[in-house]
Each structure stands twice: as C-alpha cells, then as structure tokens.
Amino acid sequence: MSKAVERTMRTLLALSVVGILLPGMASGQQSPEGTTPGVVASPRVEMQELKAAAPSGSPLLQQTPAAPRPVPTRRRRGSMVGYIEDATIESKVRLRFDTASHDTVPDRAEFFYAKCGCYSGLPANDPAFDPDAPGPRPGAANDVNFRQLFLEGEFAVDPRVSIFGQIPIRWLLPQSFIPGTGGSFPNQTGFGDVRLGVKLGAVDSDVAALTAKVQLYLPTGDAAKGLGTDHASVEPAVLYQQQLSNIVTLESEVGVWLPIGGAAPVPTHADGKFAGTVLFYGIGPSFTVYETDRVQVAPVIELVGWRVRDGNQTSAEGSDASGTNIVNLKIGARAIFGQGSVYAGYGHALTDQDWYDNIFRFEYRYSF
C-alpha cells in the first residue's frame, strides 16, 4: 500500500472518530448557569448572555417591558343590590354604614334589641314583672334613631362554598319614651351581635346563581345598652341572582330568623318567649345605565319585607307582636370599578309598622 493511500485512510478514520465523539463532548461541556446540561438554553438565558456581551449603550441593554398582568374577570355581572343579600360566592371584604331614624318599637320580637329592661321595675305582683328583663332601662323607648357600621369578610373555600363573619358597631340614640315606664336612658355605643356563617352554591352558571346561606348570630352585644338581643339566633336563607339581559339583573332572597332562647314573654307565666320568629323576603332588579371597560353603574330598586310570626313587643298598642307585617322600598345605585364597588341608597317604610321610618346606607365592597 502506498504512503499516500495510507495517509488518506488514517485521515478518514480520524474524522470518523471525531464525528462519533463530538456529540458526547458537546453534552459534557458546562451549560450556562440556570440550565440543565444537554438542554438548549431558554430565550431568557440567551438574551441575558447577549446583554452581557453587548457594548455599553447597545439597544440590547434596554429593559424588555413585562407582559401586562391579566385582570380577573367575573362569570356574571357583579351583585348590584344594597339590602338584599348577595348570592355570589367569592372572597371579599365589605364595609357598610347605616343611619336610620324613628324605630318606634325597638324590642319587637327581640329582633333589633332585647326585651325592655323596664319590666324589672314593675311591681312584683304585676303579671308582666320580669326581674331578668335584659334590655335597656329604666324607660321604654318609643322613638330610637341609630347608626350601625358593619365590617364583613368572606372567604371562598372553593367556587361553591364560602365562610364569612361580620362585626357590627352600633350607636343608639333614643329620642322619646313611653310615659310612666320609668324615665329615660342615655345614648349608647359599642359592639353589637357578631355574625358567622356559610354559603353553599347550588347553581353557579354564567347567567344565574342559587345559593343557600346560614348565618348564626352570637349574643356579644351588651343587651342592657340596647346593643344586642341577649340570645343567639340562626338565620337560614335562599339567595338568587339571574341576569335577564345585558343590562338587567334580578336578585332576590327569602329566609327566616329563628331566635334560640330569649326573654320571658308578657305576661311571664304565658307560653313562648318574648323573641319571635321573623320571615323575610326581598326582590330587586338593577339596570345598567353606563358601562365601559373599567366602570359599570346601575340603579337598583328593592322591595324588602318582614313578617313577625310570634313574640312580644313593648308598645302602647299592645304586647303581641305576632302577625306584624313590615315592607320597605329601597332606592339606590351601585358603581363597580374593577374588583371594587360602592353603593349608596335610601330606604323608606311603606307600612305603618316598621323597624325604622327612613334609612340611608353606604357600602364599599372589594372582591379578591
């Protein structure tokens, strides 16, 4: 074999060996920091290397703008009502302030505050005498103005289950008293009855929500100051929201307030309790009148009612509260902006019997 042919064969053999070993040698080389050997570096790493190698003032050194963060979207339009309970299940905080006037029977069925303490000042032989009457004393108020601030938080465990809690602060402003019931008591301020509960979603679609809500009232307010009822209560309710069109949403509720315990009835030897069962219901359509990508504004009209099934009251008209019907008309508007919203509204009693004559409400809500 000639030397030229031998040299050619050696060259071909060397090239074959290099061809076989080259991929393994490449994979054994150290990869850029933050990458796995044998894996192609990400565009982010390559860009960092290019920037490191680029001369000062190079366009590569300019920051690449970050992608905009997506804005959370709702499946349905947000709840617009201000007095009817919200059927939507979501994590949120809510701050609500009420100012109301002329509650003429504040201890009716122990729904607002506890049985008047004036019964403890009656003669011992009076059938209505009750030394344990827990409410404010010495007199029986027949005109009370009040303000209430509610701080509420709701946490969605999953899209169909949430838990919530509410802490109220009450300002009680008595205006007048029934003559001959023992005088008057001063204005009072403090924490009211704390509320805890759970919401369970039965229906949750793009246009409708049907939710069961159970709320427990704890007797944390000082009943002797008119800040609480002095007994626990449980309140099951069904809440419904239906989007009827692109601009109209209908929301409603129906439920019952069930006292657990309560003060002795009037007269004290009678059956039952001073506290009574209260049915409640409400319906409210809202109409979107202004909407952009950022803001939505909708007036809302709500009709809300209560029926007192049993229990007592301290009133010149008598002590039997059963059969009392109360209906209120609420007019307001809500503006939704992103995940937050504000509501402002006014309510007026349509019936002679009432919980108040007039009420103004302001609410701020933020959903997570």
Protein backbone atom coordinates (compact mmCIF):
# COMPACT_ATOMS: atom_id res chain seq x y z
CA MET A 1 0.00 0.00 0.00
CA SER A 2 1.42 3.40 -0.94
CA LYS A 3 2.08 6.01 1.68
CA ALA A 4 -0.45 8.40 0.09
CA VAL A 5 -3.26 5.87 0.36
CA GLU A 6 -2.26 5.05 3.93
CA ARG A 7 -2.34 8.71 4.90
CA THR A 8 -5.79 9.08 3.31
CA MET A 9 -7.21 6.11 5.22
CA ARG A 10 -5.79 7.42 8.51
CA THR A 11 -7.39 10.80 7.87
CA LEU A 12 -10.82 9.24 7.16
CA LEU A 13 -10.55 7.10 10.31
CA ALA A 14 -9.69 10.15 12.44
CA LEU A 15 -12.61 12.10 11.04
CA SER A 16 -14.95 9.17 11.80
CA VAL A 17 -13.76 9.03 15.41
CA VAL A 18 -14.22 12.80 15.82
CA GLY A 19 -17.72 12.53 14.34
CA ILE A 20 -18.65 9.87 16.88
CA LEU A 21 -17.13 11.60 19.93
CA LEU A 22 -18.17 15.20 19.15
CA PRO A 23 -21.84 14.99 20.40
CA GLY A 24 -20.73 13.42 23.69
CA MET A 25 -18.04 16.06 24.15
CA ALA A 26 -20.59 18.81 23.49
CA SER A 27 -23.01 17.38 26.03
CA GLY A 28 -20.26 17.20 28.64
CA GLN A 29 -19.45 20.88 28.35
CA GLN A 30 -20.63 23.16 31.18
CA SER A 31 -24.06 24.66 30.45
CA PRO A 32 -24.94 28.28 31.13
CA GLU A 33 -25.98 28.94 34.73
CA GLY A 34 -29.63 28.05 35.41
CA THR A 35 -29.86 25.44 32.59
CA THR A 36 -29.61 21.65 32.56
CA PRO A 37 -26.67 20.02 30.67
CA GLY A 38 -27.75 18.78 27.28
CA VAL A 39 -30.80 21.11 27.24
CA VAL A 40 -30.91 24.12 24.97
CA ALA A 41 -30.81 27.36 26.96
CA SER A 42 -34.05 29.30 27.19
CA PRO A 43 -34.53 32.54 25.24
CA ARG A 44 -34.32 34.41 28.57
CA VAL A 45 -30.82 32.97 29.28
CA GLU A 46 -29.67 33.64 25.72
CA MET A 47 -30.88 37.22 25.99
CA GLN A 48 -29.00 37.65 29.29
CA GLU A 49 -25.81 36.37 27.62
CA LEU A 50 -26.30 38.70 24.66
CA LYS A 51 -26.83 41.65 27.01
CA ALA A 52 -23.71 40.74 28.97
CA ALA A 53 -21.67 40.66 25.77
CA ALA A 54 -23.23 43.78 24.26
CA PRO A 55 -21.29 47.05 24.38
CA SER A 56 -22.45 49.91 26.56
CA GLY A 57 -25.35 51.83 25.04
CA SER A 58 -26.48 48.87 22.95
CA PRO A 59 -30.25 48.60 22.42
CA LEU A 60 -29.97 45.10 23.90
CA LEU A 61 -29.34 46.67 27.31
CA GLN A 62 -32.77 48.31 27.30
CA GLN A 63 -35.36 46.62 29.53
CA THR A 64 -37.93 44.49 27.76
CA PRO A 65 -41.38 45.59 29.00
CA ALA A 66 -43.12 42.97 31.18
CA ALA A 67 -46.33 41.44 29.94
CA PRO A 68 -49.41 43.11 31.48
CA ARG A 69 -50.97 41.20 34.39
CA PRO A 70 -54.39 39.80 33.43
CA VAL A 71 -57.34 41.43 35.18
CA PRO A 72 -59.62 38.94 36.97
CA THR A 73 -62.98 38.59 35.26
CA ARG A 74 -66.37 37.59 36.64
CA ARG A 75 -68.57 34.87 35.22
CA ARG A 76 -71.59 37.11 35.74
CA ARG A 77 -72.18 40.76 36.40
CA GLY A 78 -71.42 41.64 39.99
CA SER A 79 -74.22 41.94 42.54
CA MET A 80 -75.85 45.37 42.45
CA VAL A 81 -78.25 45.21 45.40
CA GLY A 82 -77.64 47.08 48.64
CA TYR A 83 -80.09 45.47 51.09
CA ILE A 84 -80.85 42.02 49.68
CA GLU A 85 -78.10 39.54 50.47
CA ASP A 86 -75.59 38.77 47.69
CA ALA A 87 -75.89 35.29 46.09
CA THR A 88 -72.36 35.44 44.67
CA ILE A 89 -69.76 33.22 46.36
CA GLU A 90 -66.35 34.89 46.34
CA SER A 91 -63.65 36.14 48.67
CA LYS A 92 -64.38 39.74 49.58
CA VAL A 93 -64.44 42.38 52.28
CA ARG A 94 -67.33 44.74 52.82
CA LEU A 95 -67.68 47.93 54.85
CA ARG A 96 -71.27 49.09 55.35
CA PHE A 97 -72.67 52.09 57.21
CA ASP A 98 -76.35 52.68 58.04
CA THR A 99 -78.07 55.63 59.61
CA ALA A 100 -81.77 55.14 60.44
CA SER A 101 -84.47 57.12 62.20
CA HIS A 102 -87.68 56.56 64.18
CA ASP A 103 -87.71 52.96 65.33
CA THR A 104 -90.91 53.13 67.39
CA VAL A 105 -90.84 49.54 68.75
CA PRO A 106 -87.15 48.64 69.11
CA ASP A 107 -87.68 45.45 71.16
CA ARG A 108 -90.28 43.91 68.80
CA ALA A 109 -89.70 40.11 68.87
CA GLU A 110 -86.18 40.89 70.18
CA PHE A 111 -85.13 41.27 66.56
CA PHE A 112 -83.29 44.60 66.97
CA TYR A 113 -82.58 44.65 70.68
CA ALA A 114 -83.55 42.75 73.83
CA LYS A 115 -86.77 42.97 75.84
CA CYS A 116 -87.08 46.35 77.54
CA GLY A 117 -85.49 46.42 80.97
CA CYS A 118 -88.43 48.45 82.20
CA TYR A 119 -90.27 45.20 83.10
CA SER A 120 -87.87 44.72 86.01
CA GLY A 121 -89.18 47.94 87.58
CA LEU A 122 -92.83 46.85 87.69
CA PRO A 123 -94.50 45.85 90.97
CA ALA A 124 -93.76 42.25 91.89
CA ASN A 125 -97.44 41.34 91.68
CA ASP A 126 -97.77 42.67 88.11
CA PRO A 127 -98.22 39.77 85.61
CA ALA A 128 -95.60 41.40 83.35
CA PHE A 129 -93.00 41.77 86.09
CA ASP A 130 -89.69 40.30 84.95
CA PRO A 131 -86.61 40.88 87.12
CA ASP A 132 -84.46 39.31 84.37
CA ALA A 133 -85.59 41.56 81.51
CA PRO A 134 -82.23 42.12 79.76
CA GLY A 135 -82.83 45.26 77.69
CA PRO A 136 -82.08 48.93 78.35
CA ARG A 137 -83.72 50.58 81.34
CA PRO A 138 -85.37 52.27 83.11
CA GLY A 139 -87.80 53.58 80.46
CA ALA A 140 -89.40 52.06 77.35
CA ALA A 141 -88.20 53.87 74.23
CA ASN A 142 -90.81 54.58 71.55
CA ASP A 143 -88.59 56.53 69.15
CA VAL A 144 -84.98 55.48 68.55
CA ASN A 145 -82.51 56.67 65.94
CA PHE A 146 -79.46 54.51 65.34
CA ARG A 147 -76.32 54.17 63.27
CA GLN A 148 -74.51 50.94 62.51
CA LEU A 149 -71.14 50.15 60.99
CA PHE A 150 -70.56 46.59 59.71
CA LEU A 151 -67.21 45.09 58.80
CA GLU A 152 -67.61 41.80 56.95
CA GLY A 153 -65.15 39.35 55.46
CA GLU A 154 -65.97 36.37 53.23
CA PHE A 155 -63.55 33.64 52.16
CA ALA A 156 -64.35 31.31 49.26
CA VAL A 157 -63.10 27.83 50.17
CA ASP A 158 -63.94 26.81 46.60
CA PRO A 159 -66.22 28.27 43.90
CA ARG A 160 -69.33 26.90 45.65
CA VAL A 161 -68.50 27.20 49.35
CA SER A 162 -67.58 30.21 51.44
CA ILE A 163 -67.42 31.15 55.11
CA PHE A 164 -67.94 34.65 56.45
CA GLY A 165 -68.03 36.76 59.58
CA GLN A 166 -69.42 40.18 60.44
CA ILE A 167 -68.57 42.56 63.26
CA PRO A 168 -71.09 45.37 63.92
CA ILE A 169 -70.69 48.61 65.85
CA ARG A 170 -73.89 50.37 66.93
CA TRP A 171 -74.72 53.90 68.01
CA LEU A 172 -78.10 54.03 69.79
CA LEU A 173 -79.81 57.44 70.05
CA PRO A 174 -83.16 57.30 71.93
CA GLN A 175 -85.44 60.26 71.16
CA SER A 176 -88.54 59.67 73.33
CA PHE A 177 -90.06 57.23 75.83
CA ILE A 178 -93.48 55.89 76.75
CA PRO A 179 -94.75 57.98 79.67
CA GLY A 180 -94.93 56.19 83.01
CA THR A 181 -92.43 53.44 82.16
CA GLY A 182 -89.61 54.68 84.36
CA GLY A 183 -87.87 57.58 82.64
CA SER A 184 -85.15 57.51 80.02
CA PHE A 185 -81.71 56.12 79.27
CA PRO A 186 -78.81 57.86 77.54
CA ASN A 187 -77.20 57.33 74.14
CA GLN A 188 -75.16 54.14 73.88
CA THR A 189 -72.28 52.98 71.69
CA GLY A 190 -70.47 49.67 71.35
CA PHE A 191 -70.11 46.36 69.56
CA GLY A 192 -73.28 44.54 68.56
CA ASP A 193 -74.03 40.85 67.99
CA VAL A 194 -71.31 39.18 65.91
CA ARG A 195 -72.46 37.07 62.95
CA LEU A 196 -70.82 33.98 61.46
CA GLY A 197 -72.00 31.83 58.60
CA VAL A 198 -71.54 29.73 55.49
CA LYS A 199 -72.77 30.00 51.89
CA LEU A 200 -73.32 26.97 49.65
CA GLY A 201 -73.82 27.32 45.91
CA ALA A 202 -76.47 25.05 44.38
CA VAL A 203 -76.38 26.70 40.94
CA ASP A 204 -73.47 28.69 39.53
CA SER A 205 -73.74 29.40 35.80
CA ASP A 206 -72.83 32.27 33.51
CA VAL A 207 -76.26 33.86 33.97
CA ALA A 208 -77.61 32.60 37.32
CA ALA A 209 -76.68 31.77 40.91
CA LEU A 210 -78.74 29.95 43.52
CA THR A 211 -77.15 29.98 46.96
CA ALA A 212 -78.09 28.68 50.40
CA LYS A 213 -76.90 30.81 53.30
CA VAL A 214 -76.92 30.01 57.02
CA GLN A 215 -76.00 32.76 59.46
CA LEU A 216 -75.50 32.48 63.21
CA TYR A 217 -75.96 35.50 65.50
CA LEU A 218 -73.91 35.43 68.70
CA PRO A 219 -75.10 37.48 71.74
CA THR A 220 -71.93 39.57 72.01
CA GLY A 221 -73.63 42.98 72.23
CA ASP A 222 -74.43 44.50 75.63
CA ALA A 223 -78.20 43.98 75.84
CA ALA A 224 -78.54 46.37 78.79
CA LYS A 225 -77.36 49.16 76.47
CA GLY A 226 -79.57 48.17 73.54
CA LEU A 227 -76.60 46.85 71.57
CA GLY A 228 -77.76 43.24 71.26
CA THR A 229 -80.60 40.76 71.75
CA ASP A 230 -79.15 38.72 74.66
CA HIS A 231 -79.77 35.46 72.81
CA ALA A 232 -78.33 33.54 69.87
CA SER A 233 -80.21 33.24 66.59
CA VAL A 234 -79.87 31.25 63.40
CA GLU A 235 -80.92 32.58 60.00
CA PRO A 236 -81.19 30.22 57.00
CA ALA A 237 -81.94 31.85 53.65
CA VAL A 238 -82.02 31.16 49.92
CA LEU A 239 -80.47 33.77 47.62
CA TYR A 240 -80.99 34.01 43.86
CA GLN A 241 -79.41 36.08 41.12
CA GLN A 242 -80.49 35.99 37.45
CA GLN A 243 -79.03 38.01 34.60
CA LEU A 244 -82.06 38.71 32.42
CA SER A 245 -80.24 40.62 29.69
CA ASN A 246 -77.04 42.52 29.05
CA ILE A 247 -78.32 45.39 31.19
CA VAL A 248 -80.92 43.89 33.57
CA THR A 249 -80.18 41.67 36.59
CA LEU A 250 -82.74 40.39 39.08
CA GLU A 251 -81.75 39.45 42.65
CA SER A 252 -83.93 38.05 45.43
CA GLU A 253 -83.92 36.38 48.84
CA VAL A 254 -86.23 34.51 51.19
CA GLY A 255 -85.38 33.33 54.69
CA VAL A 256 -86.33 33.09 58.33
CA TRP A 257 -84.78 34.45 61.51
CA LEU A 258 -85.06 31.90 64.33
CA PRO A 259 -84.22 33.00 67.88
CA ILE A 260 -82.53 30.47 70.15
CA GLY A 261 -83.82 31.28 73.62
CA GLY A 262 -84.98 34.77 74.51
CA ALA A 263 -86.51 36.61 77.44
CA ALA A 264 -89.70 35.57 79.23
CA PRO A 265 -92.96 36.50 77.47
CA VAL A 266 -95.60 39.01 78.54
CA PRO A 267 -97.15 38.02 80.90
CA THR A 268 -94.24 36.00 82.27
CA HIS A 269 -96.39 32.92 83.05
CA ALA A 270 -97.53 32.61 79.40
CA ASP A 271 -96.13 30.10 76.93
CA GLY A 272 -93.44 31.03 74.47
CA LYS A 273 -90.78 33.69 74.51
CA PHE A 274 -90.57 37.45 74.05
CA ALA A 275 -88.38 36.74 71.00
CA GLY A 276 -90.28 35.67 67.89
CA THR A 277 -89.74 34.06 64.51
CA VAL A 278 -89.36 36.56 61.67
CA LEU A 279 -89.80 35.68 57.99
CA PHE A 280 -88.11 37.95 55.47
CA TYR A 281 -88.03 38.30 51.71
CA GLY A 282 -86.85 40.69 49.03
CA ILE A 283 -86.61 41.26 45.31
CA GLY A 284 -84.56 43.84 43.44
CA PRO A 285 -83.96 44.50 39.73
CA SER A 286 -80.98 46.58 38.63
CA PHE A 287 -80.49 48.35 35.28
CA THR A 288 -77.06 49.14 33.90
CA VAL A 289 -77.13 52.71 32.55
CA TYR A 290 -73.42 53.28 31.99
CA GLU A 291 -70.68 50.79 31.20
CA THR A 292 -67.09 50.91 29.98
CA ASP A 293 -64.17 48.50 30.23
CA ARG A 294 -63.46 49.89 33.71
CA VAL A 295 -66.72 51.14 35.20
CA GLN A 296 -70.28 49.91 35.43
CA VAL A 297 -73.11 51.93 37.01
CA ALA A 298 -76.57 50.58 37.75
CA PRO A 299 -79.55 52.00 39.68
CA VAL A 300 -81.39 49.36 41.72
CA ILE A 301 -84.89 49.22 43.25
CA GLU A 302 -85.51 46.78 46.10
CA LEU A 303 -88.71 45.74 47.83
CA VAL A 304 -87.90 44.13 51.18
CA GLY A 305 -90.42 42.74 53.67
CA TRP A 306 -90.66 41.01 57.06
CA ARG A 307 -93.47 39.12 58.81
CA VAL A 308 -93.27 38.59 62.56
CA ARG A 309 -94.81 35.20 63.27
CA ASP A 310 -94.90 35.39 67.08
CA GLY A 311 -93.29 37.02 70.10
CA ASN A 312 -93.91 40.19 72.08
CA GLN A 313 -93.18 43.89 71.99
CA THR A 314 -93.29 46.92 74.27
CA SER A 315 -95.80 49.25 72.69
CA ALA A 316 -98.78 51.42 73.56
CA GLU A 317 -100.74 49.35 71.02
CA GLY A 318 -100.22 46.12 72.93
CA SER A 319 -97.63 43.45 73.72
CA ASP A 320 -98.48 40.91 70.99
CA ALA A 321 -96.10 41.20 68.03
CA SER A 322 -97.46 38.25 66.05
CA GLY A 323 -98.84 39.00 62.59
CA THR A 324 -96.87 42.23 62.17
CA ASN A 325 -96.05 42.96 58.52
CA ILE A 326 -93.33 45.40 57.54
CA VAL A 327 -92.47 46.39 53.95
CA ASN A 328 -89.74 48.79 52.84
CA LEU A 329 -88.88 50.33 49.49
CA LYS A 330 -85.16 50.85 48.85
CA ILE A 331 -83.80 53.00 46.03
CA GLY A 332 -80.09 53.27 45.29
CA ALA A 333 -77.28 52.74 42.81
CA ARG A 334 -74.04 50.82 42.66
CA ALA A 335 -70.87 51.59 40.73
CA ILE A 336 -68.46 48.73 40.04
CA PHE A 337 -64.87 49.53 39.12
CA GLY A 338 -62.58 46.55 38.67
CA GLN A 339 -62.76 44.39 41.78
CA GLY A 340 -64.23 47.16 43.94
CA SER A 341 -67.66 48.76 44.13
CA VAL A 342 -69.62 51.36 46.08
CA TYR A 343 -73.33 51.51 46.85
CA ALA A 344 -75.44 54.40 48.13
CA GLY A 345 -79.15 54.14 48.78
CA TYR A 346 -82.21 55.27 50.71
CA GLY A 347 -84.99 53.18 52.23
CA HIS A 348 -88.47 54.13 53.45
CA ALA A 349 -91.16 52.14 55.24
CA LEU A 350 -94.34 51.59 53.21
CA THR A 351 -96.29 50.18 56.17
CA ASP A 352 -97.39 51.78 59.45
CA GLN A 353 -95.40 49.18 61.38
CA ASP A 354 -91.66 49.37 60.77
CA TRP A 355 -88.13 48.80 62.00
CA TYR A 356 -87.37 52.42 61.10
CA ASP A 357 -89.01 55.18 59.14
CA ASN A 358 -86.05 56.08 56.94
CA ILE A 359 -82.61 54.63 56.38
CA PHE A 360 -79.55 55.71 54.41
CA ARG A 361 -76.88 53.16 53.51
CA PHE A 362 -73.36 53.48 52.15
CA GLU A 363 -71.28 50.42 51.29
CA TYR A 364 -67.82 49.68 49.93
CA ARG A 365 -67.06 46.17 48.69
CA TYR A 366 -63.82 44.69 47.36
CA SER A 367 -63.64 41.22 45.81
CA PHE A 368 -60.43 39.21 45.54
